[in-house]
Amino acid sequence: MTMYDIALFKAPPDDSNENDKYATFLRDKGHNVELIPVIQFNFINQQDLHSGLSKDDEYDGIVFTSVRSVQAVHGIQNNQQYLAKKKIYVVGETTEAAVRNKLNLESEGSHCGSAESLA
């Protein structure tokens, strides 16, 4: 099998301790891989998010539709005081894992796979 030098243009893994699955797959096949991040995420509405979370008497549950949304809430100080008594729903197994690992919360709906199915 021919070995190639591959430049992989993509977003890095969500968790800096996690290996990129595509790079790992290609390396396991004997290729040299350089992961070149092409996008960067910045959470720009943290104050608005904090304000919304703090109005916890106005809602009964939260729906997380992506790992990025979990990361945004994780970055809010004292997020646990707002989330502890809420029903938490997620779209997809990856989002469920992020809620469990980053927010230490249990959730429902991971099997749905889409917001339409969750509803």
PDB file of N, CA and C in Angstrom:
ATOM      1  N   MET A   1       0.840  -1.184   0.000  1.00  0.00           N
ATOM      2  CA  MET A   1       0.000   0.000   0.000  1.00  0.00           C
ATOM      3  C   MET A   1       0.880   1.240   0.000  1.00  0.00           C
ATOM      4  N   THR A   2       0.495   2.212  -0.766  1.00  0.00           N
ATOM      5  CA  THR A   2       1.236   3.463  -0.858  1.00  0.00           C
ATOM      6  C   THR A   2       0.908   4.361   0.328  1.00  0.00           C
ATOM      7  N   MET A   3       1.935   4.940   0.911  1.00  0.00           N
ATOM      8  CA  MET A   3       1.746   5.866   2.015  1.00  0.00           C
ATOM      9  C   MET A   3       1.732   7.288   1.453  1.00  0.00           C
ATOM     10  N   TYR A   4       0.817   8.101   1.956  1.00  0.00           N
ATOM     11  CA  TYR A   4       0.691   9.480   1.500  1.00  0.00           C
ATOM     12  C   TYR A   4       0.891  10.456   2.656  1.00  0.00           C
ATOM     13  N   ASP A   5       1.347  11.660   2.295  1.00  0.00           N
ATOM     14  CA  ASP A   5       1.351  12.781   3.224  1.00  0.00           C
ATOM     15  C   ASP A   5       0.043  13.524   2.985  1.00  0.00           C
ATOM     16  N   ILE A   6      -0.780  13.646   4.016  1.00  0.00           N
ATOM     17  CA  ILE A   6      -2.121  14.200   3.855  1.00  0.00           C
ATOM     18  C   ILE A   6      -2.293  15.424   4.739  1.00  0.00           C
ATOM     19  N   ALA A   7      -2.798  16.500   4.140  1.00  0.00           N
ATOM     20  CA  ALA A   7      -3.200  17.698   4.886  1.00  0.00           C
ATOM     21  C   ALA A   7      -4.709  17.584   5.074  1.00  0.00           C
ATOM     22  N   LEU A   8      -5.146  17.527   6.312  1.00  0.00           N
ATOM     23  CA  LEU A   8      -6.562  17.362   6.637  1.00  0.00           C
ATOM     24  C   LEU A   8      -7.103  18.710   7.102  1.00  0.00           C
ATOM     25  N   PHE A   9      -7.921  19.345   6.269  1.00  0.00           N
ATOM     26  CA  PHE A   9      -8.493  20.654   6.570  1.00  0.00           C
ATOM     27  C   PHE A   9      -9.850  20.465   7.226  1.00  0.00           C
ATOM     28  N   LYS A  10      -9.948  20.773   8.513  1.00  0.00           N
ATOM     29  CA  LYS A  10     -11.219  20.632   9.223  1.00  0.00           C
ATOM     30  C   LYS A  10     -11.117  21.261  10.599  1.00  0.00           C
ATOM     31  N   ALA A  11     -12.264  21.360  11.239  1.00  0.00           N
ATOM     32  CA  ALA A  11     -12.272  21.858  12.609  1.00  0.00           C
ATOM     33  C   ALA A  11     -11.606  20.822  13.502  1.00  0.00           C
ATOM     34  N   PRO A  12     -10.865  21.261  14.490  1.00  0.00           N
ATOM     35  CA  PRO A  12     -10.263  20.310  15.424  1.00  0.00           C
ATOM     36  C   PRO A  12     -11.351  19.663  16.275  1.00  0.00           C
ATOM     37  N   PRO A  13     -11.028  18.575  16.958  1.00  0.00           N
ATOM     38  CA  PRO A  13     -12.020  17.941  17.842  1.00  0.00           C
ATOM     39  C   PRO A  13     -12.525  18.930  18.889  1.00  0.00           C
ATOM     40  N   ASP A  14     -13.755  18.711  19.341  1.00  0.00           N
ATOM     41  CA  ASP A  14     -14.365  19.596  20.337  1.00  0.00           C
ATOM     42  C   ASP A  14     -13.590  19.600  21.642  1.00  0.00           C
ATOM     43  N   ASP A  15     -13.026  18.482  21.990  1.00  0.00           N
ATOM     44  CA  ASP A  15     -12.263  18.342  23.231  1.00  0.00           C
ATOM     45  C   ASP A  15     -10.788  18.312  22.858  1.00  0.00           C
ATOM     46  N   SER A  16     -10.010  19.220  23.405  1.00  0.00           N
ATOM     47  CA  SER A  16      -8.594  19.302  23.039  1.00  0.00           C
ATOM     48  C   SER A  16      -7.812  18.043  23.407  1.00  0.00           C
ATOM     49  N   ASN A  17      -8.359  17.222  24.313  1.00  0.00           N
ATOM     50  CA  ASN A  17      -7.686  15.976  24.686  1.00  0.00           C
ATOM     51  C   ASN A  17      -8.076  14.816  23.771  1.00  0.00           C
ATOM     52  N   GLU A  18      -8.995  15.066  22.873  1.00  0.00           N
ATOM     53  CA  GLU A  18      -9.523  14.020  22.001  1.00  0.00           C
ATOM     54  C   GLU A  18      -8.753  14.004  20.681  1.00  0.00           C
ATOM     55  N   ASN A  19      -8.491  12.816  20.171  1.00  0.00           N
ATOM     56  CA  ASN A  19      -7.861  12.688  18.864  1.00  0.00           C
ATOM     57  C   ASN A  19      -8.920  12.803  17.778  1.00  0.00           C
ATOM     58  N   ASP A  20      -8.563  13.426  16.673  1.00  0.00           N
ATOM     59  CA  ASP A  20      -9.485  13.532  15.554  1.00  0.00           C
ATOM     60  C   ASP A  20      -9.670  12.157  14.929  1.00  0.00           C
ATOM     61  N   LYS A  21     -10.923  11.741  14.769  1.00  0.00           N
ATOM     62  CA  LYS A  21     -11.192  10.383  14.291  1.00  0.00           C
ATOM     63  C   LYS A  21     -10.730  10.171  12.848  1.00  0.00           C
ATOM     64  N   TYR A  22     -10.803  11.203  12.006  1.00  0.00           N
ATOM     65  CA  TYR A  22     -10.352  11.060  10.625  1.00  0.00           C
ATOM     66  C   TYR A  22      -8.829  10.947  10.555  1.00  0.00           C
ATOM     67  N   ALA A  23      -8.150  11.788  11.332  1.00  0.00           N
ATOM     68  CA  ALA A  23      -6.686  11.723  11.355  1.00  0.00           C
ATOM     69  C   ALA A  23      -6.222  10.376  11.901  1.00  0.00           C
ATOM     70  N   THR A  24      -6.880   9.903  12.940  1.00  0.00           N
ATOM     71  CA  THR A  24      -6.532   8.608  13.522  1.00  0.00           C
ATOM     72  C   THR A  24      -6.725   7.490  12.509  1.00  0.00           C
ATOM     73  N   PHE A  25      -7.849   7.509  11.813  1.00  0.00           N
ATOM     74  CA  PHE A  25      -8.127   6.487  10.801  1.00  0.00           C
ATOM     75  C   PHE A  25      -7.042   6.475   9.726  1.00  0.00           C
ATOM     76  N   LEU A  26      -6.694   7.656   9.224  1.00  0.00           N
ATOM     77  CA  LEU A  26      -5.686   7.737   8.170  1.00  0.00           C
ATOM     78  C   LEU A  26      -4.302   7.323   8.669  1.00  0.00           C
ATOM     79  N   ARG A  27      -3.964   7.715   9.894  1.00  0.00           N
ATOM     80  CA  ARG A  27      -2.672   7.306  10.461  1.00  0.00           C
ATOM     81  C   ARG A  27      -2.624   5.788  10.652  1.00  0.00           C
ATOM     82  N   ASP A  28      -3.737   5.213  11.081  1.00  0.00           N
ATOM     83  CA  ASP A  28      -3.798   3.758  11.255  1.00  0.00           C
ATOM     84  C   ASP A  28      -3.595   3.024   9.933  1.00  0.00           C
ATOM     85  N   LYS A  29      -3.883   3.696   8.827  1.00  0.00           N
ATOM     86  CA  LYS A  29      -3.672   3.113   7.494  1.00  0.00           C
ATOM     87  C   LYS A  29      -2.257   3.366   6.989  1.00  0.00           C
ATOM     88  N   GLY A  30      -1.433   4.023   7.824  1.00  0.00           N
ATOM     89  CA  GLY A  30      -0.026   4.217   7.479  1.00  0.00           C
ATOM     90  C   GLY A  30       0.317   5.562   6.865  1.00  0.00           C
ATOM     91  N   HIS A  31      -0.638   6.478   6.802  1.00  0.00           N
ATOM     92  CA  HIS A  31      -0.387   7.781   6.189  1.00  0.00           C
ATOM     93  C   HIS A  31       0.133   8.784   7.229  1.00  0.00           C
ATOM     94  N   ASN A  32       0.877   9.778   6.748  1.00  0.00           N
ATOM     95  CA  ASN A  32       1.291  10.903   7.578  1.00  0.00           C
ATOM     96  C   ASN A  32       0.200  11.962   7.450  1.00  0.00           C
ATOM     97  N   VAL A  33      -0.322  12.403   8.575  1.00  0.00           N
ATOM     98  CA  VAL A  33      -1.447  13.336   8.543  1.00  0.00           C
ATOM     99  C   VAL A  33      -1.110  14.581   9.343  1.00  0.00           C
ATOM    100  N   GLU A  34      -1.387  15.728   8.733  1.00  0.00           N
ATOM    101  CA  GLU A  34      -1.290  16.999   9.443  1.00  0.00           C
ATOM    102  C   GLU A  34      -2.683  17.609   9.471  1.00  0.00           C
ATOM    103  N   LEU A  35      -3.219  17.795  10.674  1.00  0.00           N
ATOM    104  CA  LEU A  35      -4.533  18.399  10.846  1.00  0.00           C
ATOM    105  C   LEU A  35      -4.370  19.915  10.847  1.00  0.00           C
ATOM    106  N   ILE A  36      -5.022  20.567   9.902  1.00  0.00           N
ATOM    107  CA  ILE A  36      -4.937  22.015   9.782  1.00  0.00           C
ATOM    108  C   ILE A  36      -6.320  22.584  10.093  1.00  0.00           C
ATOM    109  N   PRO A  37      -6.459  23.230  11.262  1.00  0.00           N
ATOM    110  CA  PRO A  37      -7.773  23.783  11.632  1.00  0.00           C
ATOM    111  C   PRO A  37      -8.151  24.933  10.703  1.00  0.00           C
ATOM    112  N   VAL A  38      -9.377  24.890  10.211  1.00  0.00           N
ATOM    113  CA  VAL A  38      -9.813  25.905   9.252  1.00  0.00           C
ATOM    114  C   VAL A  38     -10.881  26.841   9.814  1.00  0.00           C
ATOM    115  N   ILE A  39     -11.431  26.499  10.977  1.00  0.00           N
ATOM    116  CA  ILE A  39     -12.413  27.380  11.597  1.00  0.00           C
ATOM    117  C   ILE A  39     -12.131  27.478  13.086  1.00  0.00           C
ATOM    118  N   GLN A  40     -12.629  28.538  13.668  1.00  0.00           N
ATOM    119  CA  GLN A  40     -12.468  28.751  15.104  1.00  0.00           C
ATOM    120  C   GLN A  40     -13.807  29.237  15.641  1.00  0.00           C
ATOM    121  N   PHE A  41     -14.190  28.720  16.782  1.00  0.00           N
ATOM    122  CA  PHE A  41     -15.450  29.115  17.387  1.00  0.00           C
ATOM    123  C   PHE A  41     -15.194  30.069  18.542  1.00  0.00           C
ATOM    124  N   ASN A  42     -15.949  31.138  18.554  1.00  0.00           N
ATOM    125  CA  ASN A  42     -15.927  32.089  19.655  1.00  0.00           C
ATOM    126  C   ASN A  42     -17.365  32.255  20.127  1.00  0.00           C
ATOM    127  N   PHE A  43     -17.578  32.141  21.409  1.00  0.00           N
ATOM    128  CA  PHE A  43     -18.909  32.335  21.959  1.00  0.00           C
ATOM    129  C   PHE A  43     -19.078  33.822  22.232  1.00  0.00           C
ATOM    130  N   ILE A  44     -19.960  34.457  21.485  1.00  0.00           N
ATOM    131  CA  ILE A  44     -20.066  35.913  21.526  1.00  0.00           C
ATOM    132  C   ILE A  44     -21.237  36.425  22.365  1.00  0.00           C
ATOM    133  N   ASN A  45     -22.140  35.577  22.757  1.00  0.00           N
ATOM    134  CA  ASN A  45     -23.318  36.022  23.506  1.00  0.00           C
ATOM    135  C   ASN A  45     -23.376  35.431  24.905  1.00  0.00           C
ATOM    136  N   GLN A  46     -22.241  35.301  25.546  1.00  0.00           N
ATOM    137  CA  GLN A  46     -22.203  34.691  26.868  1.00  0.00           C
ATOM    138  C   GLN A  46     -23.030  35.466  27.894  1.00  0.00           C
ATOM    139  N   GLN A  47     -23.008  36.785  27.824  1.00  0.00           N
ATOM    140  CA  GLN A  47     -23.786  37.577  28.779  1.00  0.00           C
ATOM    141  C   GLN A  47     -25.280  37.340  28.574  1.00  0.00           C
ATOM    142  N   ASP A  48     -25.724  37.310  27.314  1.00  0.00           N
ATOM    143  CA  ASP A  48     -27.133  37.030  27.020  1.00  0.00           C
ATOM    144  C   ASP A  48     -27.506  35.617  27.459  1.00  0.00           C
ATOM    145  N   LEU A  49     -26.603  34.675  27.241  1.00  0.00           N
ATOM    146  CA  LEU A  49     -26.852  33.296  27.661  1.00  0.00           C
ATOM    147  C   LEU A  49     -26.980  33.221  29.176  1.00  0.00           C
ATOM    148  N   HIS A  50     -26.088  33.876  29.880  1.00  0.00           N
ATOM    149  CA  HIS A  50     -26.147  33.890  31.344  1.00  0.00           C
ATOM    150  C   HIS A  50     -27.456  34.507  31.818  1.00  0.00           C
ATOM    151  N   SER A  51     -27.840  35.600  31.195  1.00  0.00           N
ATOM    152  CA  SER A  51     -29.092  36.268  31.557  1.00  0.00           C
ATOM    153  C   SER A  51     -30.287  35.332  31.339  1.00  0.00           C
ATOM    154  N   GLY A  52     -30.298  34.626  30.216  1.00  0.00           N
ATOM    155  CA  GLY A  52     -31.385  33.692  29.932  1.00  0.00           C
ATOM    156  C   GLY A  52     -31.422  32.534  30.908  1.00  0.00           C
ATOM    157  N   LEU A  53     -30.264  31.988  31.229  1.00  0.00           N
ATOM    158  CA  LEU A  53     -30.203  30.882  32.185  1.00  0.00           C
ATOM    159  C   LEU A  53     -30.668  31.307  33.568  1.00  0.00           C
ATOM    160  N   SER A  54     -30.356  32.541  33.930  1.00  0.00           N
ATOM    161  CA  SER A  54     -30.693  32.994  35.282  1.00  0.00           C
ATOM    162  C   SER A  54     -32.199  33.222  35.464  1.00  0.00           C
ATOM    163  N   LYS A  55     -32.956  33.265  34.391  1.00  0.00           N
ATOM    164  CA  LYS A  55     -34.416  33.401  34.471  1.00  0.00           C
ATOM    165  C   LYS A  55     -35.040  32.007  34.556  1.00  0.00           C
ATOM    166  N   ASP A  56     -34.512  31.211  35.462  1.00  0.00           N
ATOM    167  CA  ASP A  56     -34.884  29.800  35.504  1.00  0.00           C
ATOM    168  C   ASP A  56     -36.323  29.554  35.931  1.00  0.00           C
ATOM    169  N   ASP A  57     -37.007  30.539  36.463  1.00  0.00           N
ATOM    170  CA  ASP A  57     -38.411  30.354  36.813  1.00  0.00           C
ATOM    171  C   ASP A  57     -39.318  30.506  35.589  1.00  0.00           C
ATOM    172  N   GLU A  58     -38.742  30.874  34.446  1.00  0.00           N
ATOM    173  CA  GLU A  58     -39.521  31.087  33.230  1.00  0.00           C
ATOM    174  C   GLU A  58     -39.541  29.890  32.285  1.00  0.00           C
ATOM    175  N   TYR A  59     -38.818  28.824  32.617  1.00  0.00           N
ATOM    176  CA  TYR A  59     -38.805  27.651  31.745  1.00  0.00           C
ATOM    177  C   TYR A  59     -38.645  26.392  32.577  1.00  0.00           C
ATOM    178  N   ASP A  60     -39.099  25.276  31.992  1.00  0.00           N
ATOM    179  CA  ASP A  60     -39.056  23.993  32.696  1.00  0.00           C
ATOM    180  C   ASP A  60     -37.950  23.075  32.206  1.00  0.00           C
ATOM    181  N   GLY A  61     -37.469  23.299  31.000  1.00  0.00           N
ATOM    182  CA  GLY A  61     -36.460  22.416  30.444  1.00  0.00           C
ATOM    183  C   GLY A  61     -35.578  23.135  29.438  1.00  0.00           C
ATOM    184  N   ILE A  62     -34.531  22.436  29.037  1.00  0.00           N
ATOM    185  CA  ILE A  62     -33.577  22.963  28.069  1.00  0.00           C
ATOM    186  C   ILE A  62     -33.332  21.891  27.018  1.00  0.00           C
ATOM    187  N   VAL A  63     -33.255  22.313  25.756  1.00  0.00           N
ATOM    188  CA  VAL A  63     -32.919  21.412  24.658  1.00  0.00           C
ATOM    189  C   VAL A  63     -31.548  21.811  24.128  1.00  0.00           C
ATOM    190  N   PHE A  64     -30.599  20.878  24.193  1.00  0.00           N
ATOM    191  CA  PHE A  64     -29.283  21.076  23.608  1.00  0.00           C
ATOM    192  C   PHE A  64     -29.271  20.369  22.258  1.00  0.00           C
ATOM    193  N   THR A  65     -29.003  21.127  21.204  1.00  0.00           N
ATOM    194  CA  THR A  65     -29.024  20.549  19.858  1.00  0.00           C
ATOM    195  C   THR A  65     -27.636  20.243  19.312  1.00  0.00           C
ATOM    196  N   SER A  66     -26.595  20.637  20.056  1.00  0.00           N
ATOM    197  CA  SER A  66     -25.241  20.401  19.572  1.00  0.00           C
ATOM    198  C   SER A  66     -24.246  20.435  20.721  1.00  0.00           C
ATOM    199  N   VAL A  67     -23.074  19.904  20.455  1.00  0.00           N
ATOM    200  CA  VAL A  67     -21.991  19.951  21.442  1.00  0.00           C
ATOM    201  C   VAL A  67     -21.581  21.396  21.695  1.00  0.00           C
ATOM    202  N   ARG A  68     -21.606  22.218  20.665  1.00  0.00           N
ATOM    203  CA  ARG A  68     -21.236  23.636  20.833  1.00  0.00           C
ATOM    204  C   ARG A  68     -22.165  24.332  21.825  1.00  0.00           C
ATOM    205  N   SER A  69     -23.451  24.014  21.788  1.00  0.00           N
ATOM    206  CA  SER A  69     -24.374  24.639  22.742  1.00  0.00           C
ATOM    207  C   SER A  69     -24.052  24.203  24.169  1.00  0.00           C
ATOM    208  N   VAL A  70     -23.637  22.964  24.331  1.00  0.00           N
ATOM    209  CA  VAL A  70     -23.224  22.478  25.653  1.00  0.00           C
ATOM    210  C   VAL A  70     -21.968  23.211  26.100  1.00  0.00           C
ATOM    211  N   GLN A  71     -21.025  23.382  25.198  1.00  0.00           N
ATOM    212  CA  GLN A  71     -19.794  24.092  25.528  1.00  0.00           C
ATOM    213  C   GLN A  71     -20.083  25.528  25.943  1.00  0.00           C
ATOM    214  N   ALA A  72     -21.028  26.166  25.271  1.00  0.00           N
ATOM    215  CA  ALA A  72     -21.383  27.544  25.608  1.00  0.00           C
ATOM    216  C   ALA A  72     -21.923  27.627  27.034  1.00  0.00           C
ATOM    217  N   VAL A  73     -22.821  26.718  27.392  1.00  0.00           N
ATOM    218  CA  VAL A  73     -23.389  26.716  28.741  1.00  0.00           C
ATOM    219  C   VAL A  73     -22.327  26.334  29.769  1.00  0.00           C
ATOM    220  N   HIS A  74     -21.443  25.427  29.398  1.00  0.00           N
ATOM    221  CA  HIS A  74     -20.359  25.027  30.298  1.00  0.00           C
ATOM    222  C   HIS A  74     -19.500  26.226  30.678  1.00  0.00           C
ATOM    223  N   GLY A  75     -19.370  27.183  29.765  1.00  0.00           N
ATOM    224  CA  GLY A  75     -18.552  28.365  30.024  1.00  0.00           C
ATOM    225  C   GLY A  75     -19.206  29.398  30.926  1.00  0.00           C
ATOM    226  N   ILE A  76     -20.447  29.186  31.302  1.00  0.00           N
ATOM    227  CA  ILE A  76     -21.159  30.128  32.164  1.00  0.00           C
ATOM    228  C   ILE A  76     -20.900  29.775  33.622  1.00  0.00           C
ATOM    229  N   GLN A  77     -20.486  30.767  34.408  1.00  0.00           N
ATOM    230  CA  GLN A  77     -20.262  30.532  35.836  1.00  0.00           C
ATOM    231  C   GLN A  77     -21.572  30.165  36.510  1.00  0.00           C
ATOM    232  N   ASN A  78     -21.483  29.269  37.463  1.00  0.00           N
ATOM    233  CA  ASN A  78     -22.636  28.846  38.259  1.00  0.00           C
ATOM    234  C   ASN A  78     -23.750  28.223  37.423  1.00  0.00           C
ATOM    235  N   ASN A  79     -23.406  27.618  36.286  1.00  0.00           N
ATOM    236  CA  ASN A  79     -24.446  27.045  35.433  1.00  0.00           C
ATOM    237  C   ASN A  79     -25.241  25.962  36.148  1.00  0.00           C
ATOM    238  N   GLN A  80     -24.617  25.272  37.090  1.00  0.00           N
ATOM    239  CA  GLN A  80     -25.305  24.186  37.796  1.00  0.00           C
ATOM    240  C   GLN A  80     -26.509  24.676  38.592  1.00  0.00           C
ATOM    241  N   GLN A  81     -26.416  25.853  39.155  1.00  0.00           N
ATOM    242  CA  GLN A  81     -27.543  26.348  39.938  1.00  0.00           C
ATOM    243  C   GLN A  81     -28.762  26.585  39.053  1.00  0.00           C
ATOM    244  N   TYR A  82     -28.556  26.843  37.783  1.00  0.00           N
ATOM    245  CA  TYR A  82     -29.669  27.071  36.867  1.00  0.00           C
ATOM    246  C   TYR A  82     -30.185  25.774  36.240  1.00  0.00           C
ATOM    247  N   LEU A  83     -29.320  24.797  36.108  1.00  0.00           N
ATOM    248  CA  LEU A  83     -29.666  23.585  35.371  1.00  0.00           C
ATOM    249  C   LEU A  83     -30.122  22.419  36.240  1.00  0.00           C
ATOM    250  N   ALA A  84     -29.774  22.432  37.495  1.00  0.00           N
ATOM    251  CA  ALA A  84     -29.957  21.264  38.358  1.00  0.00           C
ATOM    252  C   ALA A  84     -31.391  20.747  38.407  1.00  0.00           C
ATOM    253  N   LYS A  85     -32.365  21.609  38.379  1.00  0.00           N
ATOM    254  CA  LYS A  85     -33.759  21.178  38.531  1.00  0.00           C
ATOM    255  C   LYS A  85     -34.527  21.175  37.213  1.00  0.00           C
ATOM    256  N   LYS A  86     -33.830  21.335  36.105  1.00  0.00           N
ATOM    257  CA  LYS A  86     -34.477  21.393  34.799  1.00  0.00           C
ATOM    258  C   LYS A  86     -34.467  20.036  34.111  1.00  0.00           C
ATOM    259  N   LYS A  87     -35.444  19.819  33.277  1.00  0.00           N
ATOM    260  CA  LYS A  87     -35.472  18.653  32.415  1.00  0.00           C
ATOM    261  C   LYS A  87     -34.536  18.971  31.258  1.00  0.00           C
ATOM    262  N   ILE A  88     -33.591  18.097  30.975  1.00  0.00           N
ATOM    263  CA  ILE A  88     -32.601  18.325  29.930  1.00  0.00           C
ATOM    264  C   ILE A  88     -32.855  17.353  28.783  1.00  0.00           C
ATOM    265  N   TYR A  89     -33.001  17.901  27.584  1.00  0.00           N
ATOM    266  CA  TYR A  89     -33.198  17.108  26.374  1.00  0.00           C
ATOM    267  C   TYR A  89     -32.022  17.356  25.438  1.00  0.00           C
ATOM    268  N   VAL A  90     -31.686  16.344  24.663  1.00  0.00           N
ATOM    269  CA  VAL A  90     -30.576  16.468  23.715  1.00  0.00           C
ATOM    270  C   VAL A  90     -30.967  15.875  22.374  1.00  0.00           C
ATOM    271  N   VAL A  91     -30.274  16.339  21.347  1.00  0.00           N
ATOM    272  CA  VAL A  91     -30.418  15.778  20.009  1.00  0.00           C
ATOM    273  C   VAL A  91     -29.112  15.065  19.689  1.00  0.00           C
ATOM    274  N   GLY A  92     -29.145  13.744  19.690  1.00  0.00           N
ATOM    275  CA  GLY A  92     -27.982  12.955  19.314  1.00  0.00           C
ATOM    276  C   GLY A  92     -27.140  12.473  20.480  1.00  0.00           C
ATOM    277  N   GLU A  93     -26.447  11.377  20.227  1.00  0.00           N
ATOM    278  CA  GLU A  93     -25.639  10.737  21.260  1.00  0.00           C
ATOM    279  C   GLU A  93     -24.391  11.537  21.619  1.00  0.00           C
ATOM    280  N   THR A  94     -23.816  12.230  20.663  1.00  0.00           N
ATOM    281  CA  THR A  94     -22.630  13.039  20.942  1.00  0.00           C
ATOM    282  C   THR A  94     -22.982  14.195  21.875  1.00  0.00           C
ATOM    283  N   THR A  95     -24.137  14.800  21.642  1.00  0.00           N
ATOM    284  CA  THR A  95     -24.587  15.886  22.514  1.00  0.00           C
ATOM    285  C   THR A  95     -24.898  15.344  23.903  1.00  0.00           C
ATOM    286  N   GLU A  96     -25.497  14.153  23.968  1.00  0.00           N
ATOM    287  CA  GLU A  96     -25.766  13.528  25.269  1.00  0.00           C
ATOM    288  C   GLU A  96     -24.476  13.327  26.057  1.00  0.00           C
ATOM    289  N   ALA A  97     -23.446  12.837  25.388  1.00  0.00           N
ATOM    290  CA  ALA A  97     -22.160  12.613  26.051  1.00  0.00           C
ATOM    291  C   ALA A  97     -21.568  13.934  26.547  1.00  0.00           C
ATOM    292  N   ALA A  98     -21.708  14.994  25.763  1.00  0.00           N
ATOM    293  CA  ALA A  98     -21.187  16.296  26.179  1.00  0.00           C
ATOM    294  C   ALA A  98     -21.922  16.812  27.415  1.00  0.00           C
ATOM    295  N   VAL A  99     -23.244  16.639  27.461  1.00  0.00           N
ATOM    296  CA  VAL A  99     -24.028  17.068  28.627  1.00  0.00           C
ATOM    297  C   VAL A  99     -23.582  16.294  29.862  1.00  0.00           C
ATOM    298  N   ARG A 100     -23.373  15.013  29.704  1.00  0.00           N
ATOM    299  CA  ARG A 100     -22.956  14.172  30.826  1.00  0.00           C
ATOM    300  C   ARG A 100     -21.535  14.520  31.275  1.00  0.00           C
ATOM    301  N   ASN A 101     -20.621  14.688  30.340  1.00  0.00           N
ATOM    302  CA  ASN A 101     -19.207  14.892  30.681  1.00  0.00           C
ATOM    303  C   ASN A 101     -18.882  16.329  31.080  1.00  0.00           C
ATOM    304  N   LYS A 102     -19.484  17.296  30.433  1.00  0.00           N
ATOM    305  CA  LYS A 102     -19.144  18.696  30.714  1.00  0.00           C
ATOM    306  C   LYS A 102     -20.040  19.321  31.777  1.00  0.00           C
ATOM    307  N   LEU A 103     -21.319  18.923  31.805  1.00  0.00           N
ATOM    308  CA  LEU A 103     -22.260  19.541  32.741  1.00  0.00           C
ATOM    309  C   LEU A 103     -22.657  18.622  33.886  1.00  0.00           C
ATOM    310  N   ASN A 104     -22.212  17.368  33.821  1.00  0.00           N
ATOM    311  CA  ASN A 104     -22.546  16.381  34.850  1.00  0.00           C
ATOM    312  C   ASN A 104     -24.050  16.235  35.045  1.00  0.00           C
ATOM    313  N   LEU A 105     -24.775  16.194  33.939  1.00  0.00           N
ATOM    314  CA  LEU A 105     -26.223  16.075  33.981  1.00  0.00           C
ATOM    315  C   LEU A 105     -26.697  14.892  33.148  1.00  0.00           C
ATOM    316  N   GLU A 106     -27.826  14.356  33.523  1.00  0.00           N
ATOM    317  CA  GLU A 106     -28.476  13.318  32.725  1.00  0.00           C
ATOM    318  C   GLU A 106     -29.456  14.003  31.780  1.00  0.00           C
ATOM    319  N   SER A 107     -29.725  13.362  30.654  1.00  0.00           N
ATOM    320  CA  SER A 107     -30.605  13.956  29.662  1.00  0.00           C
ATOM    321  C   SER A 107     -31.468  12.885  29.014  1.00  0.00           C
ATOM    322  N   GLU A 108     -32.420  13.335  28.234  1.00  0.00           N
ATOM    323  CA  GLU A 108     -33.310  12.447  27.492  1.00  0.00           C
ATOM    324  C   GLU A 108     -33.290  12.829  26.018  1.00  0.00           C
ATOM    325  N   GLY A 109     -33.581  11.861  25.161  1.00  0.00           N
ATOM    326  CA  GLY A 109     -33.780  12.147  23.744  1.00  0.00           C
ATOM    327  C   GLY A 109     -32.633  11.854  22.820  1.00  0.00           C
ATOM    328  N   SER A 110     -31.536  11.327  23.329  1.00  0.00           N
ATOM    329  CA  SER A 110     -30.357  11.138  22.466  1.00  0.00           C
ATOM    330  C   SER A 110     -30.642  10.224  21.285  1.00  0.00           C
ATOM    331  N   HIS A 111     -31.557   9.310  21.451  1.00  0.00           N
ATOM    332  CA  HIS A 111     -31.871   8.354  20.388  1.00  0.00           C
ATOM    333  C   HIS A 111     -32.619   8.999  19.216  1.00  0.00           C
ATOM    334  N   CYS A 112     -33.131  10.200  19.410  1.00  0.00           N
ATOM    335  CA  CYS A 112     -33.961  10.840  18.391  1.00  0.00           C
ATOM    336  C   CYS A 112     -33.172  11.226  17.144  1.00  0.00           C
ATOM    337  N   GLY A 113     -31.997  11.794  17.316  1.00  0.00           N
ATOM    338  CA  GLY A 113     -31.165  12.120  16.175  1.00  0.00           C
ATOM    339  C   GLY A 113     -31.485  13.432  15.475  1.00  0.00           C
ATOM    340  N   SER A 114     -32.672  13.993  15.711  1.00  0.00           N
ATOM    341  CA  SER A 114     -33.026  15.286  15.112  1.00  0.00           C
ATOM    342  C   SER A 114     -34.024  15.988  16.010  1.00  0.00           C
ATOM    343  N   ALA A 115     -34.092  17.291  15.871  1.00  0.00           N
ATOM    344  CA  ALA A 115     -35.054  18.060  16.658  1.00  0.00           C
ATOM    345  C   ALA A 115     -36.473  17.663  16.318  1.00  0.00           C
ATOM    346  N   GLU A 116     -36.715  17.361  15.043  1.00  0.00           N
ATOM    347  CA  GLU A 116     -38.057  16.954  14.614  1.00  0.00           C
ATOM    348  C   GLU A 116     -38.487  15.672  15.319  1.00  0.00           C
ATOM    349  N   SER A 117     -37.588  14.705  15.410  1.00  0.00           N
ATOM    350  CA  SER A 117     -37.913  13.457  16.101  1.00  0.00           C
ATOM    351  C   SER A 117     -38.076  13.664  17.594  1.00  0.00           C
ATOM    352  N   LEU A 118     -37.278  14.557  18.171  1.00  0.00           N
ATOM    353  CA  LEU A 118     -37.364  14.835  19.606  1.00  0.00           C
ATOM    354  C   LEU A 118     -38.720  15.419  19.971  1.00  0.00           C
ATOM    355  N   ALA A 119     -39.220  16.296  19.114  1.00  0.00           N
ATOM    356  CA  ALA A 119     -40.520  16.944  19.381  1.00  0.00           C
ATOM    357  C   ALA A 119     -41.596  15.894  19.415  1.00  0.00           C
TER     358      ALA A 119
END
